[in-house]
N, C-alpha and C. Protein backbone atom coordinates (compact mmCIF):
# COMPACT_ATOMS: atom_id res chain seq x y z
N ASP A 1 26.36 23.54 2.11
CA ASP A 1 25.25 23.62 3.04
C ASP A 1 23.89 23.73 2.35
N LEU A 2 23.84 24.37 1.20
CA LEU A 2 22.54 24.63 0.56
C LEU A 2 21.72 23.39 0.22
N PRO A 3 22.33 22.29 -0.23
CA PRO A 3 21.49 21.13 -0.55
C PRO A 3 20.73 20.58 0.66
N PHE A 4 21.19 20.91 1.86
CA PHE A 4 20.59 20.35 3.07
C PHE A 4 19.75 21.35 3.86
N ILE A 5 19.63 22.55 3.38
CA ILE A 5 19.03 23.64 4.15
C ILE A 5 17.58 23.37 4.56
N PHE A 6 16.84 22.56 3.78
CA PHE A 6 15.45 22.25 4.11
C PHE A 6 15.30 20.91 4.83
N ASP A 7 16.42 20.24 5.15
CA ASP A 7 16.37 18.96 5.87
C ASP A 7 16.02 19.19 7.34
N LYS A 8 15.27 18.24 7.92
CA LYS A 8 14.95 18.32 9.34
C LYS A 8 16.22 18.28 10.17
N PHE A 9 16.29 19.10 11.17
CA PHE A 9 17.38 19.19 12.14
C PHE A 9 18.70 19.68 11.56
N TYR A 10 18.69 20.19 10.34
CA TYR A 10 19.94 20.69 9.76
C TYR A 10 20.28 22.05 10.35
N ARG A 11 21.54 22.20 10.71
CA ARG A 11 22.04 23.49 11.20
C ARG A 11 23.38 23.76 10.53
N VAL A 12 23.61 25.00 10.18
CA VAL A 12 24.87 25.40 9.56
C VAL A 12 26.00 25.15 10.54
N LYS A 13 27.10 24.64 10.03
CA LYS A 13 28.22 24.29 10.89
C LYS A 13 29.32 25.35 10.84
N GLN A 14 28.96 26.59 11.07
CA GLN A 14 29.94 27.68 11.10
C GLN A 14 30.15 28.11 12.54
N LYS A 15 31.40 28.24 12.93
CA LYS A 15 31.70 28.66 14.30
C LYS A 15 31.07 30.02 14.62
N SER A 16 31.02 30.89 13.63
CA SER A 16 30.47 32.23 13.87
C SER A 16 28.98 32.21 14.19
N ARG A 17 28.31 31.08 13.92
CA ARG A 17 26.87 30.98 14.17
C ARG A 17 26.54 29.94 15.23
N SER A 18 27.54 29.36 15.86
CA SER A 18 27.30 28.30 16.83
C SER A 18 26.57 28.79 18.08
N HIS A 19 26.60 30.09 18.34
CA HIS A 19 25.92 30.66 19.50
C HIS A 19 24.42 30.85 19.28
N ILE A 20 23.95 30.69 18.06
CA ILE A 20 22.53 30.88 17.75
C ILE A 20 21.77 29.60 18.10
N ALA A 21 20.79 29.74 18.99
CA ALA A 21 20.01 28.58 19.42
C ALA A 21 19.00 28.18 18.35
N GLY A 22 18.62 26.92 18.37
CA GLY A 22 17.61 26.43 17.44
C GLY A 22 17.73 24.93 17.28
N THR A 23 16.71 24.35 16.67
CA THR A 23 16.70 22.90 16.47
C THR A 23 16.94 22.51 15.03
N GLY A 24 16.85 23.47 14.11
CA GLY A 24 17.01 23.14 12.71
C GLY A 24 15.73 22.64 12.06
N LEU A 25 14.61 22.95 12.65
CA LEU A 25 13.33 22.48 12.11
C LEU A 25 12.58 23.54 11.32
N GLY A 26 12.88 24.80 11.52
CA GLY A 26 12.10 25.89 10.94
C GLY A 26 11.88 25.80 9.45
N LEU A 27 12.94 25.73 8.66
CA LEU A 27 12.79 25.73 7.20
C LEU A 27 12.16 24.44 6.68
N SER A 28 12.39 23.31 7.35
CA SER A 28 11.74 22.07 6.90
C SER A 28 10.23 22.15 7.13
N ILE A 29 9.81 22.78 8.21
CA ILE A 29 8.38 22.96 8.48
C ILE A 29 7.76 23.91 7.46
N VAL A 30 8.44 25.01 7.18
CA VAL A 30 7.96 25.97 6.19
C VAL A 30 7.80 25.29 4.83
N LYS A 31 8.80 24.52 4.42
CA LYS A 31 8.74 23.83 3.12
C LYS A 31 7.56 22.86 3.09
N PHE A 32 7.36 22.11 4.16
CA PHE A 32 6.25 21.16 4.22
C PHE A 32 4.90 21.87 4.07
N ILE A 33 4.71 22.96 4.78
CA ILE A 33 3.45 23.70 4.72
C ILE A 33 3.20 24.26 3.33
N ILE A 34 4.22 24.88 2.75
CA ILE A 34 4.06 25.48 1.42
C ILE A 34 3.76 24.40 0.38
N GLU A 35 4.52 23.30 0.40
CA GLU A 35 4.28 22.23 -0.58
C GLU A 35 2.94 21.54 -0.34
N SER A 36 2.48 21.47 0.90
CA SER A 36 1.17 20.88 1.20
C SER A 36 0.03 21.69 0.58
N HIS A 37 0.29 22.96 0.33
CA HIS A 37 -0.71 23.83 -0.29
C HIS A 37 -0.46 24.00 -1.79
N GLY A 38 0.38 23.14 -2.36
CA GLY A 38 0.63 23.18 -3.80
C GLY A 38 1.63 24.23 -4.22
N GLY A 39 2.38 24.78 -3.28
CA GLY A 39 3.34 25.83 -3.60
C GLY A 39 4.76 25.31 -3.75
N LYS A 40 5.65 26.24 -4.01
CA LYS A 40 7.07 25.92 -4.17
C LYS A 40 7.89 26.93 -3.38
N ILE A 41 9.04 26.48 -2.89
CA ILE A 41 9.96 27.35 -2.16
C ILE A 41 11.35 27.17 -2.76
N ASP A 42 12.08 28.27 -2.85
CA ASP A 42 13.44 28.18 -3.38
C ASP A 42 14.30 29.22 -2.67
N LEU A 43 15.60 29.09 -2.87
CA LEU A 43 16.49 30.06 -2.28
C LEU A 43 17.68 30.32 -3.18
N GLU A 44 18.23 31.50 -2.98
CA GLU A 44 19.43 31.92 -3.71
C GLU A 44 20.39 32.47 -2.67
N SER A 45 21.63 32.01 -2.73
CA SER A 45 22.61 32.45 -1.76
C SER A 45 23.89 32.87 -2.46
N LYS A 46 24.41 34.01 -2.05
CA LYS A 46 25.68 34.50 -2.58
C LYS A 46 26.62 34.71 -1.40
N GLU A 47 27.72 34.00 -1.43
CA GLU A 47 28.67 34.06 -0.32
C GLU A 47 29.11 35.50 -0.05
N GLY A 48 29.03 35.87 1.20
CA GLY A 48 29.42 37.21 1.59
C GLY A 48 28.36 38.28 1.34
N LYS A 49 27.28 37.91 0.66
CA LYS A 49 26.22 38.88 0.33
C LYS A 49 24.92 38.57 1.06
N GLY A 50 24.61 37.29 1.24
CA GLY A 50 23.37 36.92 1.93
C GLY A 50 22.56 35.90 1.17
N THR A 51 21.43 35.56 1.75
CA THR A 51 20.54 34.54 1.20
C THR A 51 19.13 35.10 1.08
N THR A 52 18.48 34.78 -0.04
CA THR A 52 17.10 35.17 -0.27
C THR A 52 16.27 33.91 -0.42
N ILE A 53 15.18 33.83 0.32
CA ILE A 53 14.26 32.70 0.21
C ILE A 53 12.94 33.24 -0.33
N GLY A 54 12.43 32.57 -1.35
CA GLY A 54 11.17 32.98 -1.95
C GLY A 54 10.21 31.80 -2.02
N PHE A 55 8.94 32.10 -2.11
CA PHE A 55 7.96 31.03 -2.26
C PHE A 55 6.78 31.53 -3.07
N GLY A 56 6.06 30.59 -3.63
CA GLY A 56 4.86 30.90 -4.39
C GLY A 56 3.76 29.92 -4.01
N LEU A 57 2.55 30.43 -3.96
CA LEU A 57 1.39 29.61 -3.67
C LEU A 57 0.38 29.79 -4.79
N PRO A 58 -0.35 28.72 -5.14
CA PRO A 58 -1.35 28.86 -6.19
C PRO A 58 -2.49 29.77 -5.73
N ILE A 59 -3.11 30.42 -6.68
CA ILE A 59 -4.25 31.29 -6.38
C ILE A 59 -5.47 30.44 -6.06
N PHE A 60 -6.15 30.80 -5.01
CA PHE A 60 -7.37 30.10 -4.60
C PHE A 60 -8.48 30.40 -5.58
N GLN A 61 -9.14 29.33 -6.05
CA GLN A 61 -10.29 29.49 -6.94
C GLN A 61 -11.47 28.75 -6.32
N ARG A 62 -12.49 29.50 -5.98
CA ARG A 62 -13.62 28.93 -5.25
C ARG A 62 -14.28 27.76 -5.99
N ASP A 63 -14.39 27.80 -7.31
CA ASP A 63 -15.07 26.74 -8.06
C ASP A 63 -14.27 25.44 -8.10
N LYS A 64 -13.02 25.44 -7.68
CA LYS A 64 -12.21 24.22 -7.69
C LYS A 64 -12.14 23.56 -6.32
N VAL A 65 -12.83 24.12 -5.35
CA VAL A 65 -12.78 23.57 -3.99
C VAL A 65 -13.87 22.56 -3.80
């Protein structure tokens, strides 16, 4: 599932989560916004432990605007 997690309309195909509503757009929108600002997003997932999503954005410098 991880290679597709940022794809538009992607939803995890687990029966235990089929009751959760959504379109699968959230993370693709977040990735687009972060990358549009020159940032990066990544994730780490450990089965049975959970998933951590992190991101970084460049520091704003007034003289470069």
